[in-house]
Amino acid sequence: MLSRFNYSRLSPNSFWTKTSIYKTISESDFINYNWQSKNTLNNNTIMNIPDNLSEFWSDVYRSQSLSTMSIRITPYIISLINWNDPYNCPIRKQFPPVKSTIESDHPLLKLDSLNEQTDSPVDGLIHRYNDKVLFLTTSICPVYCRFCTRSYSIGKNTESVNKKKFIPGKSRYEKIYDYIEKHEEIEDVVISGGDTYMLPAHTLFELGKRLLSIEHIRRIRFATKGLSVMPMKIFSDNSWFQSLVQLNNLARDQFKSIAIHTHINHPNEITYITKNAAEKLYKANIHVRN
């Protein structure tokens, strides 16, 4: 049973300073998305923290030859992991895998577990349901989840997987727009990847504007784990936020809708930073669904 949410987590506090490598980091740095991006940890750098868990990190290291996902974790998420008990922490369990918990593969296991590529008429577009499509804009995310259902594409190659990359680009996108325009039954576009958080502001705007110009498109949903793993981008990357606001206003003028679909898995991911980001989206009349 899920415990009640601890609302004291929404009060401003320097929670990140409890993690040794961030104990001297100021709030102004920590809540800046540029600092978060620059200091995101990967397969090599994550082994540096913290220095009193050699057995745990050895377990993580031994998992790498079997893992389908490379490691990429923001300082925000690192600071929310319970390093006193990383094996049982619900946030840690979503990210760096450990060899000791890896089970043998099921005989019917497929890398494309949702069979997406079977329903892909154009590279980077999934059309499984009559009136809906999934638009894969990129192959990168602010973090890489160990349970990713799109591990055939997302992140860097691993020892066990050579990835099929979806590179952002006008020529690839145009083929997708062309397909959507020719299929008037399509009303709903989920823009994902990867993660739309990683698209530059101008790309985000042009992509959304182009889709809104298609008469039969009624809804656009931007899929992102951003509010979970790097919420500070909403209020520290003004150009990206303003692109989203402009798209939302453009959609409303056409009686269409835009929403953010995020992916928060556990209440411990929510802090006052999440609250500030969500409030800014709310004040801009941008719908958020989890």
Protein backbone atom coordinates (compact mmCIF):
# COMPACT_ATOMS: atom_id res chain seq x y z
CA MET A 1 0.00 0.00 0.00
CA LEU A 2 1.32 3.43 -0.96
CA SER A 3 1.94 5.67 2.04
CA ARG A 4 0.39 9.12 2.24
CA PHE A 5 2.36 11.87 0.57
CA ASN A 6 4.60 13.83 2.91
CA TYR A 7 3.63 17.42 2.13
CA SER A 8 6.63 18.77 4.01
CA ARG A 9 8.61 17.76 0.90
CA LEU A 10 7.01 20.75 -0.84
CA SER A 11 8.64 23.24 1.53
CA PRO A 12 11.85 24.80 0.17
CA ASN A 13 14.92 23.02 1.54
CA SER A 14 18.45 22.17 0.41
CA PHE A 15 17.83 18.40 0.24
CA TRP A 16 20.65 17.87 -2.28
CA THR A 17 23.32 18.88 0.25
CA LYS A 18 22.71 15.60 2.07
CA THR A 19 24.44 13.85 -0.84
CA SER A 20 28.20 14.20 -0.36
CA ILE A 21 29.11 15.39 -3.86
CA TYR A 22 26.49 18.16 -3.74
CA LYS A 23 26.99 19.40 -0.18
CA THR A 24 28.56 22.69 -1.34
CA ILE A 25 26.21 23.31 -4.28
CA SER A 26 24.13 26.48 -3.99
CA GLU A 27 20.40 26.57 -4.67
CA SER A 28 20.92 28.93 -7.62
CA ASP A 29 23.16 26.34 -9.28
CA PHE A 30 21.11 23.28 -8.38
CA ILE A 31 17.81 24.66 -9.69
CA ASN A 32 19.38 25.70 -13.01
CA TYR A 33 18.80 23.23 -15.83
CA ASN A 34 22.14 24.11 -17.47
CA TRP A 35 23.97 23.07 -14.31
CA GLN A 36 21.89 19.89 -14.11
CA SER A 37 22.66 19.02 -17.73
CA LYS A 38 26.37 19.76 -17.39
CA ASN A 39 26.65 17.62 -14.25
CA THR A 40 24.50 14.69 -15.36
CA LEU A 41 26.22 11.40 -14.49
CA ASN A 42 26.94 8.52 -16.87
CA ASN A 43 28.41 5.00 -16.76
CA ASN A 44 31.85 6.30 -15.85
CA THR A 45 31.18 9.27 -13.58
CA ILE A 46 28.43 7.66 -11.51
CA MET A 47 30.97 5.36 -9.87
CA ASN A 48 32.37 8.39 -8.05
CA ILE A 49 29.45 8.70 -5.63
CA PRO A 50 29.25 8.10 -2.78
CA ASP A 51 32.61 6.64 -1.75
CA ASN A 52 31.41 4.34 1.05
CA LEU A 53 29.38 1.92 -1.09
CA SER A 54 32.05 -0.09 -2.89
CA GLU A 55 30.03 -3.33 -2.79
CA PHE A 56 26.97 -1.65 -4.27
CA TRP A 57 28.94 0.05 -7.06
CA SER A 58 30.69 -3.21 -7.85
CA ASP A 59 27.23 -4.73 -8.28
CA VAL A 60 26.28 -1.89 -10.64
CA TYR A 61 29.50 -2.31 -12.61
CA ARG A 62 28.93 -6.05 -13.08
CA SER A 63 25.48 -5.35 -14.56
CA GLN A 64 26.80 -3.23 -17.43
CA SER A 65 27.65 -6.08 -19.79
CA LEU A 66 24.03 -7.27 -19.60
CA SER A 67 22.17 -3.96 -19.50
CA THR A 68 20.24 -2.75 -22.54
CA MET A 69 20.46 0.86 -21.31
CA SER A 70 23.46 3.07 -20.63
CA ILE A 71 23.47 5.11 -17.43
CA ARG A 72 22.39 8.75 -17.50
CA ILE A 73 21.07 10.34 -14.29
CA THR A 74 20.58 13.99 -13.32
CA PRO A 75 21.96 15.38 -10.05
CA TYR A 76 18.33 16.02 -9.07
CA ILE A 77 17.57 12.29 -9.13
CA ILE A 78 20.92 11.34 -7.57
CA SER A 79 20.12 13.60 -4.62
CA LEU A 80 16.73 11.92 -4.07
CA ILE A 81 18.13 8.39 -3.84
CA ASN A 82 18.37 6.93 -0.34
CA TRP A 83 22.09 6.18 -0.25
CA ASN A 84 21.74 4.59 3.18
CA ASP A 85 19.80 1.78 1.52
CA PRO A 86 20.24 2.02 -2.27
CA TYR A 87 19.17 -1.56 -2.93
CA ASN A 88 15.67 -0.88 -1.63
CA CYS A 89 15.27 2.75 -2.69
CA PRO A 90 12.28 3.09 -5.08
CA ILE A 91 14.06 5.81 -7.04
CA ARG A 92 17.37 3.98 -7.39
CA LYS A 93 15.50 0.90 -8.64
CA GLN A 94 14.39 2.88 -11.70
CA PHE A 95 17.89 3.77 -12.83
CA PRO A 96 21.27 2.04 -12.31
CA PRO A 97 20.71 -1.74 -12.46
CA VAL A 98 22.56 -4.17 -10.21
CA LYS A 99 23.83 -7.57 -11.31
CA SER A 100 22.50 -9.32 -8.19
CA THR A 101 18.86 -8.69 -9.18
CA ILE A 102 19.06 -9.52 -12.89
CA GLU A 103 17.06 -12.62 -13.78
CA SER A 104 17.36 -14.88 -16.80
CA ASP A 105 15.57 -13.61 -19.91
CA HIS A 106 12.17 -15.04 -20.73
CA PRO A 107 12.43 -17.19 -23.91
CA LEU A 108 9.93 -14.92 -25.71
CA LEU A 109 11.69 -11.70 -24.73
CA LYS A 110 12.11 -9.17 -27.55
CA LEU A 111 14.09 -5.95 -27.48
CA ASP A 112 11.11 -4.15 -29.05
CA SER A 113 8.81 -5.44 -26.32
CA LEU A 114 5.78 -3.45 -27.50
CA ASN A 115 6.25 -4.51 -31.13
CA GLU A 116 6.36 -0.86 -32.16
CA GLN A 117 8.44 -1.34 -35.29
CA THR A 118 5.78 -3.65 -36.72
CA ASP A 119 3.38 -0.69 -36.76
CA SER A 120 5.84 1.85 -38.18
CA PRO A 121 4.86 2.92 -41.72
CA VAL A 122 7.46 5.72 -41.68
CA ASP A 123 10.78 5.80 -39.83
CA GLY A 124 10.07 7.25 -36.38
CA LEU A 125 6.26 7.07 -36.55
CA ILE A 126 4.11 4.42 -34.86
CA HIS A 127 0.53 4.10 -36.15
CA ARG A 128 -1.14 1.33 -34.15
CA TYR A 129 -4.52 2.88 -33.32
CA ASN A 130 -6.73 4.35 -36.02
CA ASP A 131 -6.90 7.98 -34.84
CA LYS A 132 -3.59 8.18 -32.93
CA VAL A 133 0.10 8.18 -33.83
CA LEU A 134 3.34 8.21 -31.85
CA PHE A 135 5.99 10.58 -33.24
CA LEU A 136 9.53 9.60 -32.17
CA THR A 137 11.47 12.85 -32.44
CA THR A 138 14.80 11.89 -30.85
CA SER A 139 16.69 9.05 -29.19
CA ILE A 140 17.94 10.92 -26.12
CA CYS A 141 16.42 11.67 -22.71
CA PRO A 142 17.51 13.67 -19.65
CA VAL A 143 17.83 10.29 -17.87
CA TYR A 144 17.82 6.68 -19.03
CA CYS A 145 15.40 4.40 -17.20
CA ARG A 146 16.51 0.80 -16.74
CA PHE A 147 12.98 -0.41 -17.65
CA CYS A 148 12.76 1.53 -20.94
CA THR A 149 10.41 -0.19 -23.40
CA ARG A 150 12.22 1.53 -26.26
CA SER A 151 15.70 0.28 -25.37
CA TYR A 152 16.22 -0.68 -29.02
CA SER A 153 16.65 3.03 -29.72
CA ILE A 154 17.22 5.15 -26.62
CA GLY A 155 20.63 6.26 -25.42
CA LYS A 156 24.12 5.17 -26.31
CA ASN A 157 24.97 1.71 -27.56
CA THR A 158 25.66 -0.81 -24.80
CA GLU A 159 27.67 -4.02 -24.78
CA SER A 160 24.50 -5.93 -25.58
CA VAL A 161 22.59 -3.54 -27.89
CA ASN A 162 23.41 -1.50 -30.99
CA LYS A 163 20.72 1.17 -31.04
CA LYS A 164 18.44 2.21 -33.88
CA LYS A 165 18.74 6.00 -33.73
CA PHE A 166 15.98 8.53 -34.35
CA ILE A 167 17.94 11.67 -35.17
CA PRO A 168 16.07 15.00 -35.10
CA GLY A 169 16.02 16.44 -38.59
CA LYS A 170 13.80 18.28 -41.05
CA SER A 171 13.95 15.66 -43.82
CA ARG A 172 12.92 12.82 -41.50
CA TYR A 173 10.19 14.92 -39.90
CA GLU A 174 8.79 15.96 -43.31
CA LYS A 175 8.17 12.32 -44.23
CA ILE A 176 6.18 11.96 -41.01
CA TYR A 177 4.17 15.14 -41.64
CA ASP A 178 3.41 13.90 -45.14
CA TYR A 179 2.09 10.59 -43.83
CA ILE A 180 -0.08 12.31 -41.22
CA GLU A 181 -1.51 14.74 -43.79
CA LYS A 182 -2.51 11.84 -46.03
CA HIS A 183 -4.31 9.99 -43.22
CA GLU A 184 -7.23 12.17 -42.20
CA GLU A 185 -8.37 9.68 -39.57
CA ILE A 186 -5.43 10.79 -37.39
CA GLU A 187 -6.52 13.34 -34.78
CA ASP A 188 -4.11 12.73 -31.90
CA VAL A 189 -0.29 12.94 -31.98
CA VAL A 190 1.92 11.87 -29.08
CA ILE A 191 5.33 13.51 -29.46
CA SER A 192 7.94 11.42 -27.74
CA GLY A 193 11.32 9.87 -28.44
CA GLY A 194 13.44 9.86 -26.41
CA ASP A 195 12.09 12.81 -24.58
CA THR A 196 10.69 16.08 -25.92
CA TYR A 197 12.50 17.83 -23.05
CA MET A 198 15.67 17.36 -25.08
CA LEU A 199 14.41 19.18 -28.18
CA PRO A 200 15.74 22.74 -28.65
CA ALA A 201 13.11 25.45 -28.16
CA HIS A 202 12.93 26.33 -31.87
CA THR A 203 12.56 22.66 -32.85
CA LEU A 204 9.79 22.15 -30.29
CA PHE A 205 7.90 25.17 -31.60
CA GLU A 206 8.30 24.42 -35.31
CA LEU A 207 7.30 20.81 -34.81
CA GLY A 208 4.17 21.71 -32.84
CA LYS A 209 3.24 24.55 -35.19
CA ARG A 210 3.56 22.28 -38.22
CA LEU A 211 1.30 19.63 -36.69
CA LEU A 212 -1.28 22.22 -35.62
CA SER A 213 -1.42 23.45 -39.23
CA ILE A 214 -2.82 20.06 -40.27
CA GLU A 215 -6.59 20.53 -40.18
CA HIS A 216 -7.57 17.10 -38.86
CA ILE A 217 -5.11 17.15 -35.93
CA ARG A 218 -7.07 17.98 -32.76
CA ARG A 219 -4.70 17.00 -29.94
CA ILE A 220 -0.94 17.05 -29.36
CA ARG A 221 0.60 15.39 -26.32
CA PHE A 222 4.23 16.02 -25.39
CA ALA A 223 5.61 12.97 -23.56
CA THR A 224 8.36 13.74 -21.06
CA LYS A 225 9.81 12.62 -17.74
CA GLY A 226 10.98 16.19 -17.27
CA LEU A 227 8.81 17.06 -14.26
CA SER A 228 10.13 13.93 -12.56
CA VAL A 229 13.84 14.13 -13.33
CA MET A 230 14.66 17.78 -14.16
CA PRO A 231 11.68 19.98 -13.16
CA MET A 232 13.83 23.11 -12.95
CA LYS A 233 13.97 23.34 -16.76
CA ILE A 234 10.41 24.69 -16.73
CA PHE A 235 11.43 27.86 -14.88
CA SER A 236 15.13 28.16 -15.79
CA ASP A 237 14.95 27.60 -19.58
CA ASN A 238 12.68 30.46 -20.54
CA SER A 239 13.00 30.02 -24.32
CA TRP A 240 11.85 26.40 -24.11
CA PHE A 241 8.98 27.28 -21.77
CA GLN A 242 7.87 30.18 -23.97
CA SER A 243 7.85 27.91 -27.03
CA LEU A 244 5.48 25.63 -25.15
CA VAL A 245 3.29 28.56 -24.09
CA GLN A 246 3.12 29.90 -27.66
CA LEU A 247 2.11 26.48 -28.96
CA ASN A 248 -0.55 26.17 -26.28
CA ASN A 249 -1.97 29.59 -27.19
CA LEU A 250 -1.88 28.73 -30.89
CA ALA A 251 -3.73 25.48 -30.23
CA ARG A 252 -6.40 27.20 -28.11
CA ASP A 253 -6.96 29.79 -30.85
CA GLN A 254 -7.78 26.87 -33.16
CA PHE A 255 -9.92 25.09 -30.53
CA LYS A 256 -7.31 22.35 -30.34
CA SER A 257 -5.49 21.06 -27.28
CA ILE A 258 -1.92 20.59 -26.11
CA ALA A 259 -0.87 18.72 -22.98
CA ILE A 260 2.25 17.47 -21.25
CA HIS A 261 2.24 13.80 -20.35
CA THR A 262 4.79 13.17 -17.65
CA HIS A 263 5.89 9.99 -15.87
CA ILE A 264 6.24 10.28 -12.09
CA ASN A 265 6.47 6.79 -10.61
CA HIS A 266 6.91 7.48 -6.89
CA PRO A 267 5.99 10.34 -4.53
CA ASN A 268 9.63 10.64 -3.42
CA GLU A 269 10.38 12.16 -6.83
CA ILE A 270 8.26 15.19 -5.95
CA THR A 271 9.86 18.21 -4.24
CA TYR A 272 9.29 21.95 -3.94
CA ILE A 273 11.09 22.25 -7.28
CA THR A 274 8.45 20.03 -8.90
CA LYS A 275 5.74 22.13 -7.27
CA ASN A 276 7.22 25.39 -8.61
CA ALA A 277 7.44 23.95 -12.12
CA ALA A 278 3.91 22.54 -12.03
CA GLU A 279 2.51 25.84 -10.77
CA LYS A 280 4.16 27.72 -13.63
CA LEU A 281 2.61 25.33 -16.15
CA TYR A 282 -0.78 25.66 -14.43
CA LYS A 283 -0.66 29.47 -14.54
CA ALA A 284 0.10 29.25 -18.27
CA ASN A 285 -3.02 27.08 -18.79
CA ILE A 286 -0.92 24.10 -19.88
CA HIS A 287 -2.50 20.78 -18.96
CA VAL A 288 -0.28 18.18 -17.28
CA ARG A 289 -1.23 14.51 -17.01
CA ASN A 290 0.72 11.76 -15.30
